[in-house]
Amino acid sequence: MSLGSTFKTLSDPQRREILMLIKKNYRMSAGEIADAMHVSPQKLSYHLKLLKESDLLIESKEKNFVYYELNASLFDELILWLKQF
């Protein structure tokens, strides 16, 4: 993904809220995120898809659950890029 598409993904307040929730809890399942945000699974699925496509989230599967956590290396790259200004 390009830097432009990453920033476009970050421009949505709900996606930023998802990232903050995951940051606070380290990792969360889609159900936990949907419950915390009071959104439908369909709406959440759309946002999670965009966050994964932008490499902002890492998805891991354990038994019957899918967990999401922040992709720390991408955030490190973004911070380094921003610091040059």
PDB file of N, CA and C in Angstrom:
ATOM      1  N   MET A   1       0.830  -1.189   0.000  1.00  0.00           N
ATOM      2  CA  MET A   1       0.000   0.000   0.000  1.00  0.00           C
ATOM      3  C   MET A   1       0.872   1.249   0.000  1.00  0.00           C
ATOM      4  N   SER A   2       0.376   2.254  -0.637  1.00  0.00           N
ATOM      5  CA  SER A   2       1.105   3.515  -0.690  1.00  0.00           C
ATOM      6  C   SER A   2       0.812   4.359   0.548  1.00  0.00           C
ATOM      7  N   LEU A   3       1.672   5.310   0.770  1.00  0.00           N
ATOM      8  CA  LEU A   3       1.509   6.217   1.899  1.00  0.00           C
ATOM      9  C   LEU A   3       0.196   6.979   1.788  1.00  0.00           C
ATOM     10  N   GLY A   4      -0.160   7.381   0.567  1.00  0.00           N
ATOM     11  CA  GLY A   4      -1.409   8.106   0.339  1.00  0.00           C
ATOM     12  C   GLY A   4      -2.631   7.298   0.732  1.00  0.00           C
ATOM     13  N   SER A   5      -2.656   6.016   0.367  1.00  0.00           N
ATOM     14  CA  SER A   5      -3.807   5.180   0.722  1.00  0.00           C
ATOM     15  C   SER A   5      -3.849   4.905   2.216  1.00  0.00           C
ATOM     16  N   THR A   6      -2.677   4.839   2.844  1.00  0.00           N
ATOM     17  CA  THR A   6      -2.639   4.653   4.298  1.00  0.00           C
ATOM     18  C   THR A   6      -3.264   5.858   5.001  1.00  0.00           C
ATOM     19  N   PHE A   7      -2.872   7.065   4.557  1.00  0.00           N
ATOM     20  CA  PHE A   7      -3.444   8.269   5.160  1.00  0.00           C
ATOM     21  C   PHE A   7      -4.934   8.393   4.850  1.00  0.00           C
ATOM     22  N   LYS A   8      -5.349   7.956   3.673  1.00  0.00           N
ATOM     23  CA  LYS A   8      -6.776   7.974   3.335  1.00  0.00           C
ATOM     24  C   LYS A   8      -7.545   7.047   4.280  1.00  0.00           C
ATOM     25  N   THR A   9      -6.987   5.885   4.547  1.00  0.00           N
ATOM     26  CA  THR A   9      -7.621   4.949   5.478  1.00  0.00           C
ATOM     27  C   THR A   9      -7.705   5.563   6.873  1.00  0.00           C
ATOM     28  N   LEU A  10      -6.645   6.252   7.281  1.00  0.00           N
ATOM     29  CA  LEU A  10      -6.615   6.880   8.609  1.00  0.00           C
ATOM     30  C   LEU A  10      -7.524   8.104   8.713  1.00  0.00           C
ATOM     31  N   SER A  11      -8.005   8.615   7.592  1.00  0.00           N
ATOM     32  CA  SER A  11      -8.827   9.826   7.623  1.00  0.00           C
ATOM     33  C   SER A  11     -10.218   9.592   8.209  1.00  0.00           C
ATOM     34  N   ASP A  12     -10.649   8.351   8.279  1.00  0.00           N
ATOM     35  CA  ASP A  12     -11.980   8.047   8.807  1.00  0.00           C
ATOM     36  C   ASP A  12     -11.940   7.936  10.330  1.00  0.00           C
ATOM     37  N   PRO A  13     -12.811   8.695  11.035  1.00  0.00           N
ATOM     38  CA  PRO A  13     -12.796   8.669  12.507  1.00  0.00           C
ATOM     39  C   PRO A  13     -13.115   7.298  13.108  1.00  0.00           C
ATOM     40  N   GLN A  14     -13.992   6.524  12.461  1.00  0.00           N
ATOM     41  CA  GLN A  14     -14.304   5.198  13.012  1.00  0.00           C
ATOM     42  C   GLN A  14     -13.112   4.263  12.914  1.00  0.00           C
ATOM     43  N   ARG A  15     -12.365   4.360  11.832  1.00  0.00           N
ATOM     44  CA  ARG A  15     -11.176   3.508  11.705  1.00  0.00           C
ATOM     45  C   ARG A  15     -10.115   3.912  12.718  1.00  0.00           C
ATOM     46  N   ARG A  16      -9.985   5.210  12.972  1.00  0.00           N
ATOM     47  CA  ARG A  16      -9.045   5.643  14.009  1.00  0.00           C
ATOM     48  C   ARG A  16      -9.499   5.149  15.378  1.00  0.00           C
ATOM     49  N   GLU A  17     -10.816   5.132  15.616  1.00  0.00           N
ATOM     50  CA  GLU A  17     -11.338   4.622  16.891  1.00  0.00           C
ATOM     51  C   GLU A  17     -11.036   3.128  17.038  1.00  0.00           C
ATOM     52  N   ILE A  18     -11.162   2.378  15.955  1.00  0.00           N
ATOM     53  CA  ILE A  18     -10.830   0.951  15.981  1.00  0.00           C
ATOM     54  C   ILE A  18      -9.361   0.770  16.368  1.00  0.00           C
ATOM     55  N   LEU A  19      -8.488   1.561  15.754  1.00  0.00           N
ATOM     56  CA  LEU A  19      -7.055   1.457  16.060  1.00  0.00           C
ATOM     57  C   LEU A  19      -6.779   1.795  17.519  1.00  0.00           C
ATOM     58  N   MET A  20      -7.449   2.812  18.045  1.00  0.00           N
ATOM     59  CA  MET A  20      -7.249   3.189  19.452  1.00  0.00           C
ATOM     60  C   MET A  20      -7.735   2.089  20.397  1.00  0.00           C
ATOM     61  N   LEU A  21      -8.859   1.468  20.071  1.00  0.00           N
ATOM     62  CA  LEU A  21      -9.367   0.362  20.891  1.00  0.00           C
ATOM     63  C   LEU A  21      -8.370  -0.792  20.927  1.00  0.00           C
ATOM     64  N   ILE A  22      -7.852  -1.136  19.751  1.00  0.00           N
ATOM     65  CA  ILE A  22      -6.903  -2.247  19.681  1.00  0.00           C
ATOM     66  C   ILE A  22      -5.615  -1.886  20.403  1.00  0.00           C
ATOM     67  N   LYS A  23      -5.169  -0.647  20.263  1.00  0.00           N
ATOM     68  CA  LYS A  23      -3.967  -0.210  20.971  1.00  0.00           C
ATOM     69  C   LYS A  23      -4.150  -0.354  22.480  1.00  0.00           C
ATOM     70  N   LYS A  24      -5.295   0.043  22.964  1.00  0.00           N
ATOM     71  CA  LYS A  24      -5.590  -0.012  24.405  1.00  0.00           C
ATOM     72  C   LYS A  24      -5.641  -1.453  24.918  1.00  0.00           C
ATOM     73  N   ASN A  25      -6.167  -2.356  24.098  1.00  0.00           N
ATOM     74  CA  ASN A  25      -6.375  -3.739  24.521  1.00  0.00           C
ATOM     75  C   ASN A  25      -5.365  -4.732  23.944  1.00  0.00           C
ATOM     76  N   TYR A  26      -4.400  -4.256  23.223  1.00  0.00           N
ATOM     77  CA  TYR A  26      -3.346  -5.032  22.572  1.00  0.00           C
ATOM     78  C   TYR A  26      -3.858  -5.813  21.363  1.00  0.00           C
ATOM     79  N   ARG A  27      -4.849  -6.636  21.538  1.00  0.00           N
ATOM     80  CA  ARG A  27      -5.457  -7.348  20.421  1.00  0.00           C
ATOM     81  C   ARG A  27      -6.910  -7.626  20.762  1.00  0.00           C
ATOM     82  N   MET A  28      -7.744  -7.677  19.728  1.00  0.00           N
ATOM     83  CA  MET A  28      -9.171  -7.878  19.946  1.00  0.00           C
ATOM     84  C   MET A  28      -9.761  -8.687  18.794  1.00  0.00           C
ATOM     85  N   SER A  29     -10.845  -9.381  19.088  1.00  0.00           N
ATOM     86  CA  SER A  29     -11.590 -10.074  18.042  1.00  0.00           C
ATOM     87  C   SER A  29     -12.584  -9.082  17.429  1.00  0.00           C
ATOM     88  N   ALA A  30     -13.096  -9.423  16.274  1.00  0.00           N
ATOM     89  CA  ALA A  30     -14.070  -8.558  15.615  1.00  0.00           C
ATOM     90  C   ALA A  30     -15.311  -8.366  16.492  1.00  0.00           C
ATOM     91  N   GLY A  31     -15.729  -9.408  17.162  1.00  0.00           N
ATOM     92  CA  GLY A  31     -16.894  -9.308  18.051  1.00  0.00           C
ATOM     93  C   GLY A  31     -16.651  -8.344  19.198  1.00  0.00           C
ATOM     94  N   GLU A  32     -15.460  -8.383  19.770  1.00  0.00           N
ATOM     95  CA  GLU A  32     -15.126  -7.468  20.864  1.00  0.00           C
ATOM     96  C   GLU A  32     -15.107  -6.016  20.380  1.00  0.00           C
ATOM     97  N   ILE A  33     -14.578  -5.816  19.182  1.00  0.00           N
ATOM     98  CA  ILE A  33     -14.539  -4.465  18.625  1.00  0.00           C
ATOM     99  C   ILE A  33     -15.952  -3.971  18.339  1.00  0.00           C
ATOM    100  N   ALA A  34     -16.765  -4.810  17.718  1.00  0.00           N
ATOM    101  CA  ALA A  34     -18.145  -4.428  17.391  1.00  0.00           C
ATOM    102  C   ALA A  34     -18.931  -4.084  18.656  1.00  0.00           C
ATOM    103  N   ASP A  35     -18.766  -4.878  19.704  1.00  0.00           N
ATOM    104  CA  ASP A  35     -19.460  -4.603  20.971  1.00  0.00           C
ATOM    105  C   ASP A  35     -19.005  -3.277  21.573  1.00  0.00           C
ATOM    106  N   ALA A  36     -17.716  -3.020  21.563  1.00  0.00           N
ATOM    107  CA  ALA A  36     -17.175  -1.800  22.158  1.00  0.00           C
ATOM    108  C   ALA A  36     -17.609  -0.554  21.390  1.00  0.00           C
ATOM    109  N   MET A  37     -17.760  -0.685  20.077  1.00  0.00           N
ATOM    110  CA  MET A  37     -18.110   0.465  19.242  1.00  0.00           C
ATOM    111  C   MET A  37     -19.599   0.571  18.962  1.00  0.00           C
ATOM    112  N   HIS A  38     -20.351  -0.456  19.325  1.00  0.00           N
ATOM    113  CA  HIS A  38     -21.797  -0.493  19.073  1.00  0.00           C
ATOM    114  C   HIS A  38     -22.100  -0.343  17.578  1.00  0.00           C
ATOM    115  N   VAL A  39     -21.399  -1.125  16.759  1.00  0.00           N
ATOM    116  CA  VAL A  39     -21.635  -1.134  15.317  1.00  0.00           C
ATOM    117  C   VAL A  39     -21.979  -2.549  14.865  1.00  0.00           C
ATOM    118  N   SER A  40     -22.604  -2.627  13.708  1.00  0.00           N
ATOM    119  CA  SER A  40     -22.976  -3.937  13.175  1.00  0.00           C
ATOM    120  C   SER A  40     -21.725  -4.654  12.659  1.00  0.00           C
ATOM    121  N   PRO A  41     -21.765  -5.976  12.676  1.00  0.00           N
ATOM    122  CA  PRO A  41     -20.623  -6.741  12.161  1.00  0.00           C
ATOM    123  C   PRO A  41     -20.314  -6.410  10.694  1.00  0.00           C
ATOM    124  N   GLN A  42     -21.351  -6.129   9.891  1.00  0.00           N
ATOM    125  CA  GLN A  42     -21.143  -5.810   8.482  1.00  0.00           C
ATOM    126  C   GLN A  42     -20.356  -4.501   8.320  1.00  0.00           C
ATOM    127  N   LYS A  43     -20.732  -3.488   9.082  1.00  0.00           N
ATOM    128  CA  LYS A  43     -20.045  -2.204   8.995  1.00  0.00           C
ATOM    129  C   LYS A  43     -18.603  -2.344   9.488  1.00  0.00           C
ATOM    130  N   LEU A  44     -18.427  -3.071  10.572  1.00  0.00           N
ATOM    131  CA  LEU A  44     -17.088  -3.281  11.115  1.00  0.00           C
ATOM    132  C   LEU A  44     -16.224  -4.049  10.128  1.00  0.00           C
ATOM    133  N   SER A  45     -16.791  -5.043   9.477  1.00  0.00           N
ATOM    134  CA  SER A  45     -16.056  -5.852   8.516  1.00  0.00           C
ATOM    135  C   SER A  45     -15.470  -4.984   7.405  1.00  0.00           C
ATOM    136  N   TYR A  46     -16.226  -4.005   6.940  1.00  0.00           N
ATOM    137  CA  TYR A  46     -15.755  -3.083   5.904  1.00  0.00           C
ATOM    138  C   TYR A  46     -14.533  -2.304   6.399  1.00  0.00           C
ATOM    139  N   HIS A  47     -14.614  -1.763   7.603  1.00  0.00           N
ATOM    140  CA  HIS A  47     -13.509  -0.980   8.153  1.00  0.00           C
ATOM    141  C   HIS A  47     -12.276  -1.855   8.403  1.00  0.00           C
ATOM    142  N   LEU A  48     -12.482  -3.048   8.931  1.00  0.00           N
ATOM    143  CA  LEU A  48     -11.360  -3.957   9.172  1.00  0.00           C
ATOM    144  C   LEU A  48     -10.673  -4.336   7.862  1.00  0.00           C
ATOM    145  N   LYS A  49     -11.454  -4.542   6.828  1.00  0.00           N
ATOM    146  CA  LYS A  49     -10.894  -4.872   5.508  1.00  0.00           C
ATOM    147  C   LYS A  49      -9.965  -3.760   5.033  1.00  0.00           C
ATOM    148  N   LEU A  50     -10.409  -2.521   5.125  1.00  0.00           N
ATOM    149  CA  LEU A  50      -9.580  -1.392   4.690  1.00  0.00           C
ATOM    150  C   LEU A  50      -8.329  -1.244   5.547  1.00  0.00           C
ATOM    151  N   LEU A  51      -8.464  -1.449   6.846  1.00  0.00           N
ATOM    152  CA  LEU A  51      -7.309  -1.352   7.745  1.00  0.00           C
ATOM    153  C   LEU A  51      -6.285  -2.451   7.451  1.00  0.00           C
ATOM    154  N   LYS A  52      -6.771  -3.651   7.141  1.00  0.00           N
ATOM    155  CA  LYS A  52      -5.860  -4.750   6.791  1.00  0.00           C
ATOM    156  C   LYS A  52      -5.193  -4.491   5.443  1.00  0.00           C
ATOM    157  N   GLU A  53      -5.946  -4.011   4.456  1.00  0.00           N
ATOM    158  CA  GLU A  53      -5.385  -3.720   3.134  1.00  0.00           C
ATOM    159  C   GLU A  53      -4.306  -2.642   3.213  1.00  0.00           C
ATOM    160  N   SER A  54      -4.447  -1.723   4.162  1.00  0.00           N
ATOM    161  CA  SER A  54      -3.452  -0.661   4.350  1.00  0.00           C
ATOM    162  C   SER A  54      -2.311  -1.108   5.247  1.00  0.00           C
ATOM    163  N   ASP A  55      -2.321  -2.357   5.664  1.00  0.00           N
ATOM    164  CA  ASP A  55      -1.298  -2.945   6.535  1.00  0.00           C
ATOM    165  C   ASP A  55      -1.236  -2.292   7.911  1.00  0.00           C
ATOM    166  N   LEU A  56      -2.317  -1.645   8.333  1.00  0.00           N
ATOM    167  CA  LEU A  56      -2.351  -1.043   9.665  1.00  0.00           C
ATOM    168  C   LEU A  56      -2.674  -2.084  10.734  1.00  0.00           C
ATOM    169  N   LEU A  57      -3.333  -3.166  10.323  1.00  0.00           N
ATOM    170  CA  LEU A  57      -3.687  -4.247  11.244  1.00  0.00           C
ATOM    171  C   LEU A  57      -3.102  -5.563  10.774  1.00  0.00           C
ATOM    172  N   ILE A  58      -2.794  -6.402  11.738  1.00  0.00           N
ATOM    173  CA  ILE A  58      -2.365  -7.773  11.480  1.00  0.00           C
ATOM    174  C   ILE A  58      -3.468  -8.687  11.996  1.00  0.00           C
ATOM    175  N   GLU A  59      -3.810  -9.668  11.194  1.00  0.00           N
ATOM    176  CA  GLU A  59      -4.868 -10.614  11.545  1.00  0.00           C
ATOM    177  C   GLU A  59      -4.235 -11.954  11.902  1.00  0.00           C
ATOM    178  N   SER A  60      -4.691 -12.543  13.018  1.00  0.00           N
ATOM    179  CA  SER A  60      -4.217 -13.882  13.377  1.00  0.00           C
ATOM    180  C   SER A  60      -5.418 -14.720  13.791  1.00  0.00           C
ATOM    181  N   LYS A  61      -5.358 -16.006  13.472  1.00  0.00           N
ATOM    182  CA  LYS A  61      -6.468 -16.914  13.760  1.00  0.00           C
ATOM    183  C   LYS A  61      -6.058 -17.890  14.842  1.00  0.00           C
ATOM    184  N   GLU A  62      -6.953 -18.048  15.813  1.00  0.00           N
ATOM    185  CA  GLU A  62      -6.765 -19.026  16.882  1.00  0.00           C
ATOM    186  C   GLU A  62      -8.079 -19.755  17.090  1.00  0.00           C
ATOM    187  N   LYS A  63      -8.054 -21.029  16.812  1.00  0.00           N
ATOM    188  CA  LYS A  63      -9.250 -21.866  16.888  1.00  0.00           C
ATOM    189  C   LYS A  63     -10.358 -21.229  16.056  1.00  0.00           C
ATOM    190  N   ASN A  64     -11.468 -20.852  16.668  1.00  0.00           N
ATOM    191  CA  ASN A  64     -12.603 -20.297  15.936  1.00  0.00           C
ATOM    192  C   ASN A  64     -12.617 -18.772  15.917  1.00  0.00           C
ATOM    193  N   PHE A  65     -11.559 -18.137  16.377  1.00  0.00           N
ATOM    194  CA  PHE A  65     -11.542 -16.683  16.491  1.00  0.00           C
ATOM    195  C   PHE A  65     -10.468 -16.068  15.610  1.00  0.00           C
ATOM    196  N   VAL A  66     -10.770 -14.858  15.126  1.00  0.00           N
ATOM    197  CA  VAL A  66      -9.805 -14.054  14.386  1.00  0.00           C
ATOM    198  C   VAL A  66      -9.507 -12.841  15.255  1.00  0.00           C
ATOM    199  N   TYR A  67      -8.228 -12.606  15.518  1.00  0.00           N
ATOM    200  CA  TYR A  67      -7.820 -11.483  16.352  1.00  0.00           C
ATOM    201  C   TYR A  67      -7.064 -10.463  15.508  1.00  0.00           C
ATOM    202  N   TYR A  68      -7.211  -9.214  15.913  1.00  0.00           N
ATOM    203  CA  TYR A  68      -6.562  -8.116  15.215  1.00  0.00           C
ATOM    204  C   TYR A  68      -5.634  -7.389  16.174  1.00  0.00           C
ATOM    205  N   GLU A  69      -4.464  -7.026  15.673  1.00  0.00           N
ATOM    206  CA  GLU A  69      -3.531  -6.219  16.459  1.00  0.00           C
ATOM    207  C   GLU A  69      -2.861  -5.223  15.523  1.00  0.00           C
ATOM    208  N   LEU A  70      -2.293  -4.175  16.107  1.00  0.00           N
ATOM    209  CA  LEU A  70      -1.646  -3.141  15.313  1.00  0.00           C
ATOM    210  C   LEU A  70      -0.379  -3.665  14.667  1.00  0.00           C
ATOM    211  N   ASN A  71      -0.116  -3.202  13.476  1.00  0.00           N
ATOM    212  CA  ASN A  71       1.132  -3.510  12.787  1.00  0.00           C
ATOM    213  C   ASN A  71       2.142  -2.444  13.207  1.00  0.00           C
ATOM    214  N   ALA A  72       2.854  -2.703  14.269  1.00  0.00           N
ATOM    215  CA  ALA A  72       3.762  -1.717  14.868  1.00  0.00           C
ATOM    216  C   ALA A  72       4.831  -1.252  13.891  1.00  0.00           C
ATOM    217  N   SER A  73       5.305  -2.122  13.020  1.00  0.00           N
ATOM    218  CA  SER A  73       6.363  -1.718  12.096  1.00  0.00           C
ATOM    219  C   SER A  73       5.876  -0.653  11.116  1.00  0.00           C
ATOM    220  N   LEU A  74       4.626  -0.746  10.681  1.00  0.00           N
ATOM    221  CA  LEU A  74       4.098   0.276   9.780  1.00  0.00           C
ATOM    222  C   LEU A  74       3.948   1.607  10.512  1.00  0.00           C
ATOM    223  N   PHE A  75       3.493   1.572  11.751  1.00  0.00           N
ATOM    224  CA  PHE A  75       3.370   2.807  12.524  1.00  0.00           C
ATOM    225  C   PHE A  75       4.749   3.429  12.760  1.00  0.00           C
ATOM    226  N   ASP A  76       5.759   2.603  12.974  1.00  0.00           N
ATOM    227  CA  ASP A  76       7.125   3.114  13.118  1.00  0.00           C
ATOM    228  C   ASP A  76       7.573   3.826  11.841  1.00  0.00           C
ATOM    229  N   GLU A  77       7.266   3.231  10.688  1.00  0.00           N
ATOM    230  CA  GLU A  77       7.615   3.846   9.413  1.00  0.00           C
ATOM    231  C   GLU A  77       6.903   5.186   9.227  1.00  0.00           C
ATOM    232  N   LEU A  78       5.616   5.232   9.590  1.00  0.00           N
ATOM    233  CA  LEU A  78       4.861   6.480   9.467  1.00  0.00           C
ATOM    234  C   LEU A  78       5.444   7.569  10.360  1.00  0.00           C
ATOM    235  N   ILE A  79       5.816   7.199  11.569  1.00  0.00           N
ATOM    236  CA  ILE A  79       6.390   8.170  12.505  1.00  0.00           C
ATOM    237  C   ILE A  79       7.722   8.694  11.976  1.00  0.00           C
ATOM    238  N   LEU A  80       8.547   7.806  11.468  1.00  0.00           N
ATOM    239  CA  LEU A  80       9.837   8.234  10.895  1.00  0.00           C
ATOM    240  C   LEU A  80       9.631   9.183   9.721  1.00  0.00           C
ATOM    241  N   TRP A  81       8.655   8.882   8.891  1.00  0.00           N
ATOM    242  CA  TRP A  81       8.380   9.729   7.740  1.00  0.00           C
ATOM    243  C   TRP A  81       7.901  11.110   8.200  1.00  0.00           C
ATOM    244  N   LEU A  82       7.006  11.144   9.194  1.00  0.00           N
ATOM    245  CA  LEU A  82       6.472  12.408   9.684  1.00  0.00           C
ATOM    246  C   LEU A  82       7.532  13.240  10.401  1.00  0.00           C
ATOM    247  N   LYS A  83       8.456  12.588  11.088  1.00  0.00           N
ATOM    248  CA  LYS A  83       9.487  13.303  11.849  1.00  0.00           C
ATOM    249  C   LYS A  83      10.419  14.130  10.958  1.00  0.00           C
ATOM    250  N   GLN A  84      10.506  13.776   9.699  1.00  0.00           N
ATOM    251  CA  GLN A  84      11.391  14.530   8.818  1.00  0.00           C
ATOM    252  C   GLN A  84      10.871  15.940   8.540  1.00  0.00           C
ATOM    253  N   PHE A  85       9.644  16.228   8.962  1.00  0.00           N
ATOM    254  CA  PHE A  85       9.088  17.564   8.795  1.00  0.00           C
ATOM    255  C   PHE A  85       9.134  18.292  10.107  1.00  0.00           C
TER     256      PHE A  85
END
